[in-house]
């Protein structure tokens, strides 16, 4: 009997990534850590797009890199396509054929001395084991798929625009025909018009190659356009998770409401979703406050918020919120 594939291509369970602070900055000899990702449990539906959103420094990119084992987790499990890759000795070539990443800055992810066609061919040669003839044909197909010509393949990265470099990075990521692609702020370094072209391209490639995306972004509009499911992070924790349309239209965690309210909208008369102003700054990742990490800034915080970190609880089908007073935001 053949096992049917899980509805979720990737899942993290209690995932943590702590970075130890060097002793030279720690004169008292106590073990202290930067809690970049702190107990995150998340599911990525197969064939769909999960957007991980939050402000800078909330742990989004660290979560993405840990999912790919580019940085080893401190604790917790990562289950990819039914296999716990944190506890099973993996064939890394096989794993990275099926999991790829598009980095935020294409300038730094492309070797300036290597022609574009060779950059796109690299994963085919080293991960896929394709022969020289088949590699050349596949590179041409990939360049066409991302809207570039064969002539672009003969250039160096310095001779391409920012949008063209990001198309190359996307072509290289999908070259080994992965099941999952993590997109780390794929449009943040691009002009607005080019951003729209890249987002449209990503949707077209997802349909054509049946890809699953994890989108890392601070841009609510990009997450709304590209994703099916949204996960909101604050100070290393997951505070809200559910269908993107529902979270955008009816956010329930005070931080999510703040995040969405701060996004630019074309209607200047639209009333702010949150009637109370959020003050203060993001807490220290080295010495976070006890209880709910958002409580120093939350207008609804009470004594329990200062003592107990609320778990993610389902408030409607597939919509989870970590808040003691979620009824006040209804």
Protein backbone atom coordinates (compact mmCIF):
# COMPACT_ATOMS: atom_id res chain seq x y z
CA UNK A 1 0.00 0.00 0.00
CA UNK A 2 1.40 3.41 -1.02
CA UNK A 3 1.19 6.14 1.60
CA UNK A 4 -0.61 9.24 0.40
CA UNK A 5 1.38 12.48 0.74
CA UNK A 6 0.54 14.65 3.72
CA UNK A 7 -1.56 17.77 3.20
CA UNK A 8 1.37 19.72 4.69
CA UNK A 9 4.70 19.54 2.91
CA UNK A 10 6.58 21.04 5.86
CA UNK A 11 5.85 21.35 9.56
CA UNK A 12 7.83 22.71 12.49
CA UNK A 13 7.10 21.61 16.05
CA UNK A 14 8.38 23.70 18.98
CA UNK A 15 11.21 25.08 16.83
CA UNK A 16 13.79 27.22 18.62
CA UNK A 17 16.92 28.96 17.42
CA UNK A 18 19.02 30.61 20.13
CA UNK A 19 22.36 32.30 19.50
CA UNK A 20 24.75 32.23 22.49
CA UNK A 21 26.35 35.49 23.56
CA UNK A 22 30.11 35.40 23.72
CA UNK A 23 31.76 35.42 27.13
CA UNK A 24 33.60 38.66 26.35
CA UNK A 25 30.30 40.54 26.38
CA UNK A 26 29.10 38.58 29.38
CA UNK A 27 31.44 39.35 32.31
CA UNK A 28 29.33 37.55 34.92
CA UNK A 29 29.69 34.18 33.19
CA UNK A 30 25.94 33.55 32.90
CA UNK A 31 24.69 31.71 29.83
CA UNK A 32 22.69 34.23 27.81
CA UNK A 33 21.14 33.86 24.38
CA UNK A 34 19.52 35.82 21.60
CA UNK A 35 16.15 34.11 21.21
CA UNK A 36 15.69 34.62 17.47
CA UNK A 37 13.03 31.89 17.07
CA UNK A 38 11.26 30.81 20.22
CA UNK A 39 8.92 27.79 20.19
CA UNK A 40 7.38 28.14 16.72
CA UNK A 41 5.01 25.44 15.45
CA UNK A 42 3.85 26.03 11.90
CA UNK A 43 2.42 24.10 8.94
CA UNK A 44 3.03 24.75 5.24
CA UNK A 45 0.17 23.43 3.06
CA UNK A 46 1.32 21.51 -0.01
CA UNK A 47 0.97 23.41 -3.28
CA UNK A 48 0.10 26.70 -1.58
CA UNK A 49 1.88 29.77 -0.24
CA UNK A 50 2.49 30.52 3.42
CA UNK A 51 3.49 34.11 4.19
CA UNK A 52 5.51 34.75 7.35
CA UNK A 53 5.08 38.43 8.20
CA UNK A 54 6.35 40.77 10.89
CA UNK A 55 8.61 43.75 11.41
CA UNK A 56 12.38 43.63 11.02
CA UNK A 57 14.10 41.58 13.70
CA UNK A 58 11.09 39.41 14.56
CA UNK A 59 12.84 36.19 13.45
CA UNK A 60 11.32 35.64 9.99
CA UNK A 61 14.56 35.06 8.09
CA UNK A 62 16.08 33.00 10.90
CA UNK A 63 12.97 30.79 10.80
CA UNK A 64 13.39 30.34 7.03
CA UNK A 65 17.08 29.48 7.26
CA UNK A 66 16.42 27.06 10.11
CA UNK A 67 13.67 25.34 8.11
CA UNK A 68 16.29 24.64 5.44
CA UNK A 69 18.90 23.59 8.01
CA UNK A 70 21.17 26.36 6.74
CA UNK A 71 21.48 27.08 10.45
CA UNK A 72 20.89 24.16 12.84
CA UNK A 73 17.95 24.49 15.25
CA UNK A 74 18.59 24.72 18.97
CA UNK A 75 15.63 22.42 19.63
CA UNK A 76 12.37 21.29 18.07
CA UNK A 77 11.49 19.27 14.99
CA UNK A 78 11.30 20.02 11.26
CA UNK A 79 9.23 17.54 9.28
CA UNK A 80 9.63 17.79 5.52
CA UNK A 81 7.50 15.63 3.24
CA UNK A 82 6.84 13.18 6.08
CA UNK A 83 10.48 12.90 7.25
CA UNK A 84 11.82 14.48 10.45
CA UNK A 85 14.95 16.05 8.99
CA UNK A 86 16.24 17.15 12.41
CA UNK A 87 16.40 13.58 13.69
CA UNK A 88 17.04 11.58 10.51
CA UNK A 89 20.44 11.52 8.82
CA UNK A 90 19.63 13.09 5.49
CA UNK A 91 21.23 12.89 2.07
CA UNK A 92 21.79 16.64 1.70
CA UNK A 93 21.92 16.51 -2.09
CA UNK A 94 18.49 14.87 -2.16
CA UNK A 95 17.12 17.28 0.42
CA UNK A 96 18.32 20.39 -1.40
CA UNK A 97 16.96 19.09 -4.68
CA UNK A 98 13.56 19.29 -3.03
CA UNK A 99 14.04 22.45 -0.92
CA UNK A 100 15.44 25.67 -2.36
CA UNK A 101 15.65 29.32 -1.36
CA UNK A 102 15.55 32.67 -3.17
CA UNK A 103 17.52 35.18 -1.12
CA UNK A 104 16.62 38.81 -0.56
CA UNK A 105 19.58 40.33 -2.40
CA UNK A 106 20.29 38.74 -5.79
CA UNK A 107 23.49 40.80 -6.02
CA UNK A 108 25.06 38.87 -3.16
CA UNK A 109 23.68 35.45 -4.17
CA UNK A 110 25.21 35.48 -7.68
CA UNK A 111 28.94 35.04 -8.26
CA UNK A 112 30.07 38.21 -10.12
CA UNK A 113 32.71 36.23 -12.08
CA UNK A 114 30.37 33.49 -13.35
CA UNK A 115 28.16 33.81 -16.42
CA UNK A 116 24.43 33.62 -15.85
CA UNK A 117 24.01 30.35 -17.76
CA UNK A 118 26.60 28.70 -15.50
CA UNK A 119 24.94 30.01 -12.34
CA UNK A 120 21.59 28.52 -13.44
CA UNK A 121 23.32 25.27 -14.47
CA UNK A 122 25.14 24.83 -11.16
CA UNK A 123 22.31 23.09 -9.23
CA UNK A 124 21.61 20.86 -12.24
CA UNK A 125 25.21 19.64 -12.32
CA UNK A 126 25.75 19.25 -8.58
CA UNK A 127 22.30 18.32 -7.25
CA UNK A 128 20.53 16.75 -10.19
CA UNK A 129 23.49 14.98 -11.81
CA UNK A 130 22.36 15.93 -15.31
CA UNK A 131 24.67 15.45 -18.29
CA UNK A 132 26.17 18.38 -20.21
CA UNK A 133 23.73 18.19 -23.14
CA UNK A 134 20.63 17.97 -20.98
CA UNK A 135 21.91 20.80 -18.74
CA UNK A 136 22.25 23.18 -21.69
CA UNK A 137 18.71 22.45 -22.85
CA UNK A 138 17.29 22.76 -19.34
CA UNK A 139 19.04 26.11 -18.78
CA UNK A 140 17.45 27.48 -21.95
CA UNK A 141 14.02 26.29 -20.76
CA UNK A 142 14.50 27.88 -17.34
CA UNK A 143 15.68 31.20 -18.77
CA UNK A 144 12.60 31.31 -20.99
CA UNK A 145 10.32 30.38 -18.07
CA UNK A 146 11.50 33.39 -16.03
CA UNK A 147 11.30 35.81 -18.96
CA UNK A 148 14.95 35.96 -20.01
CA UNK A 149 16.58 35.14 -23.34
CA UNK A 150 19.53 32.92 -24.22
CA UNK A 151 21.56 36.08 -24.78
CA UNK A 152 21.13 36.99 -21.10
CA UNK A 153 22.82 33.70 -20.23
CA UNK A 154 26.10 34.89 -21.76
CA UNK A 155 26.28 37.95 -19.51
CA UNK A 156 27.81 38.49 -16.10
CA UNK A 157 25.58 39.62 -13.20
CA UNK A 158 26.98 43.18 -13.40
CA UNK A 159 25.41 43.52 -16.84
CA UNK A 160 21.88 42.80 -15.61
CA UNK A 161 19.32 44.97 -13.85
CA UNK A 162 18.09 44.18 -10.33
CA UNK A 163 14.89 42.62 -11.65
CA UNK A 164 16.81 40.47 -14.14
CA UNK A 165 19.16 39.26 -11.40
CA UNK A 166 16.19 38.22 -9.28
CA UNK A 167 14.76 36.32 -12.27
CA UNK A 168 18.08 34.49 -12.52
CA UNK A 169 17.97 33.66 -8.80
CA UNK A 170 14.44 32.28 -9.23
CA UNK A 171 15.49 30.23 -12.28
CA UNK A 172 18.37 28.74 -10.30
CA UNK A 173 16.09 27.90 -7.36
CA UNK A 174 13.55 26.02 -9.50
CA UNK A 175 16.22 24.32 -11.65
CA UNK A 176 16.35 21.03 -9.67
CA UNK A 177 12.52 20.89 -9.67
CA UNK A 178 12.06 21.36 -5.91
CA UNK A 179 8.86 20.73 -4.00
CA UNK A 180 9.35 23.73 -1.71
CA UNK A 181 10.85 27.16 -2.39
CA UNK A 182 11.46 29.68 0.40
CA UNK A 183 11.30 33.29 -0.80
CA UNK A 184 13.12 35.65 1.54
CA UNK A 185 11.85 39.18 0.80
CA UNK A 186 12.12 38.48 -2.95
CA UNK A 187 10.95 41.94 -4.05
CA UNK A 188 12.07 44.31 -1.28
CA UNK A 189 15.20 45.46 -3.16
CA UNK A 190 13.30 46.17 -6.40
CA UNK A 191 11.36 49.11 -7.83
CA UNK A 192 7.57 49.00 -7.48
CA UNK A 193 6.91 48.21 -11.16
CA UNK A 194 9.52 45.44 -11.16
CA UNK A 195 8.07 44.05 -7.91
CA UNK A 196 4.72 43.55 -9.62
CA UNK A 197 6.38 41.69 -12.50
CA UNK A 198 8.29 39.37 -10.15
CA UNK A 199 5.18 38.60 -8.08
CA UNK A 200 3.22 37.75 -11.23
CA UNK A 201 6.11 35.55 -12.38
CA UNK A 202 6.15 33.70 -9.05
CA UNK A 203 2.43 32.95 -9.31
CA UNK A 204 2.83 31.71 -12.90
CA UNK A 205 5.74 29.44 -11.94
CA UNK A 206 3.83 28.06 -8.96
CA UNK A 207 0.96 26.99 -11.20
CA UNK A 208 3.25 25.65 -13.94
CA UNK A 209 5.57 23.61 -11.69
CA UNK A 210 3.20 22.87 -8.78
CA UNK A 211 5.47 24.63 -6.29
CA UNK A 212 4.92 25.30 -2.60
CA UNK A 213 6.18 28.66 -1.34
CA UNK A 214 7.14 30.03 2.06
CA UNK A 215 7.18 33.81 1.62
CA UNK A 216 9.15 35.89 4.14
CA UNK A 217 8.01 39.53 4.03
CA UNK A 218 7.24 42.62 6.06
CA UNK A 219 4.98 43.91 3.27
CA UNK A 220 1.34 43.16 4.02
CA UNK A 221 0.30 43.99 0.43
CA UNK A 222 2.76 41.44 -0.99
CA UNK A 223 1.57 38.79 1.49
CA UNK A 224 -2.06 39.55 0.60
CA UNK A 225 -1.38 39.20 -3.13
CA UNK A 226 0.76 36.07 -3.09
CA UNK A 227 -0.21 33.95 -0.08
CA UNK A 228 -3.03 31.61 0.89
CA UNK A 229 -2.05 31.27 4.56
CA UNK A 230 -0.42 33.83 6.84
CA UNK A 231 1.70 33.47 9.97
CA UNK A 232 2.41 36.60 12.03
CA UNK A 233 5.60 36.68 14.11
CA UNK A 234 6.49 38.99 16.98
CA UNK A 235 9.79 38.86 18.87
CA UNK A 236 10.47 35.26 17.84
CA UNK A 237 6.97 33.98 18.64
CA UNK A 238 4.04 33.07 16.42
CA UNK A 239 1.07 35.23 17.49
CA UNK A 240 -1.50 34.59 14.72
CA UNK A 241 -1.90 32.00 11.97
CA UNK A 242 -4.68 31.32 9.48
CA UNK A 243 -6.14 32.02 6.02
CA UNK A 244 -4.64 35.22 4.61
CA UNK A 245 -7.95 36.77 3.56
CA UNK A 246 -9.46 36.21 6.99
CA UNK A 247 -6.47 37.64 8.85
CA UNK A 248 -6.33 40.70 6.57
CA UNK A 249 -10.06 41.38 6.90
CA UNK A 250 -10.49 40.33 10.55
CA UNK A 251 -7.16 40.38 12.43
CA UNK A 252 -7.58 39.35 16.06
CA UNK A 253 -4.20 39.69 17.76
CA UNK A 254 -3.46 43.31 18.81
CA UNK A 255 -0.06 43.16 17.11
CA UNK A 256 -1.56 41.89 13.83
CA UNK A 257 -4.10 44.70 13.94
CA UNK A 258 -1.26 47.19 14.41
CA UNK A 259 0.74 45.66 11.57
CA UNK A 260 -2.17 45.77 9.12
CA UNK A 261 -3.28 49.23 10.24
CA UNK A 262 0.20 50.62 9.59
CA UNK A 263 0.23 49.37 5.99
CA UNK A 264 -0.38 52.15 3.42
CA UNK A 265 -3.90 52.07 1.96
CA UNK A 266 -5.35 54.08 -0.95
CA UNK A 267 -8.34 55.31 1.09
CA UNK A 268 -7.23 58.04 3.55
CA UNK A 269 -10.65 58.05 5.25
CA UNK A 270 -10.56 54.42 6.30
CA UNK A 271 -10.66 54.30 10.09
CA UNK A 272 -7.80 52.66 11.94
CA UNK A 273 -8.69 49.13 13.05
CA UNK A 274 -7.21 49.72 16.49
CA UNK A 275 -8.82 52.44 18.57
CA UNK A 276 -5.92 52.58 21.04
CA UNK A 277 -2.42 53.64 19.98
CA UNK A 278 0.39 51.11 20.30
CA UNK A 279 3.41 52.61 22.06
CA UNK A 280 6.89 51.40 22.94
CA UNK A 281 9.43 49.29 21.05
CA UNK A 282 10.08 45.64 20.27
CA UNK A 283 11.47 43.90 23.38
CA UNK A 284 15.04 42.67 23.69
CA UNK A 285 15.66 39.22 22.21
CA UNK A 286 18.28 38.67 24.93
CA UNK A 287 16.09 39.61 27.89
CA UNK A 288 12.45 39.36 26.76
CA UNK A 289 9.66 40.27 29.18
CA UNK A 290 7.94 37.43 31.07
CA UNK A 291 4.55 36.20 29.90
CA UNK A 292 3.29 37.53 26.59
CA UNK A 293 6.13 39.37 24.84
CA UNK A 294 3.70 41.95 23.46
CA UNK A 295 2.20 42.89 26.83
CA UNK A 296 4.39 46.00 27.44
CA UNK A 297 2.89 47.55 24.30
CA UNK A 298 -0.60 46.02 24.33
CA UNK A 299 -3.58 48.24 25.22
CA UNK A 300 -5.49 45.21 26.53
CA UNK A 301 -2.76 43.74 28.75
CA UNK A 302 -3.67 42.56 32.25
CA UNK A 303 -1.90 40.78 35.09
CA UNK A 304 -2.15 37.34 33.42
CA UNK A 305 -0.38 38.70 30.32
CA UNK A 306 2.63 39.61 32.46
CA UNK A 307 2.92 36.10 33.85
CA UNK A 308 1.65 33.58 31.25
CA UNK A 309 2.61 33.42 27.58
CA UNK A 310 -0.67 32.54 25.82
CA UNK A 311 -0.72 29.45 23.57
CA UNK A 312 -2.03 29.49 20.01
CA UNK A 313 -5.72 28.61 20.19
CA UNK A 314 -8.18 28.09 17.36
CA UNK A 315 -10.88 30.80 17.31
CA UNK A 316 -12.44 29.73 14.00
CA UNK A 317 -11.70 27.02 11.46
CA UNK A 318 -7.96 27.18 10.72
CA UNK A 319 -7.54 30.58 12.42
CA UNK A 320 -5.28 30.56 15.51
CA UNK A 321 -4.43 33.42 17.87
CA UNK A 322 -2.12 33.62 20.90
CA UNK A 323 -3.88 36.16 23.13
CA UNK A 324 -5.59 36.00 26.56
CA UNK A 325 -8.12 38.65 25.55
CA UNK A 326 -8.88 37.82 21.95
CA UNK A 327 -12.58 38.50 22.60
CA UNK A 328 -11.79 42.21 23.02
CA UNK A 329 -10.55 42.48 19.42
CA UNK A 330 -13.61 40.83 17.84
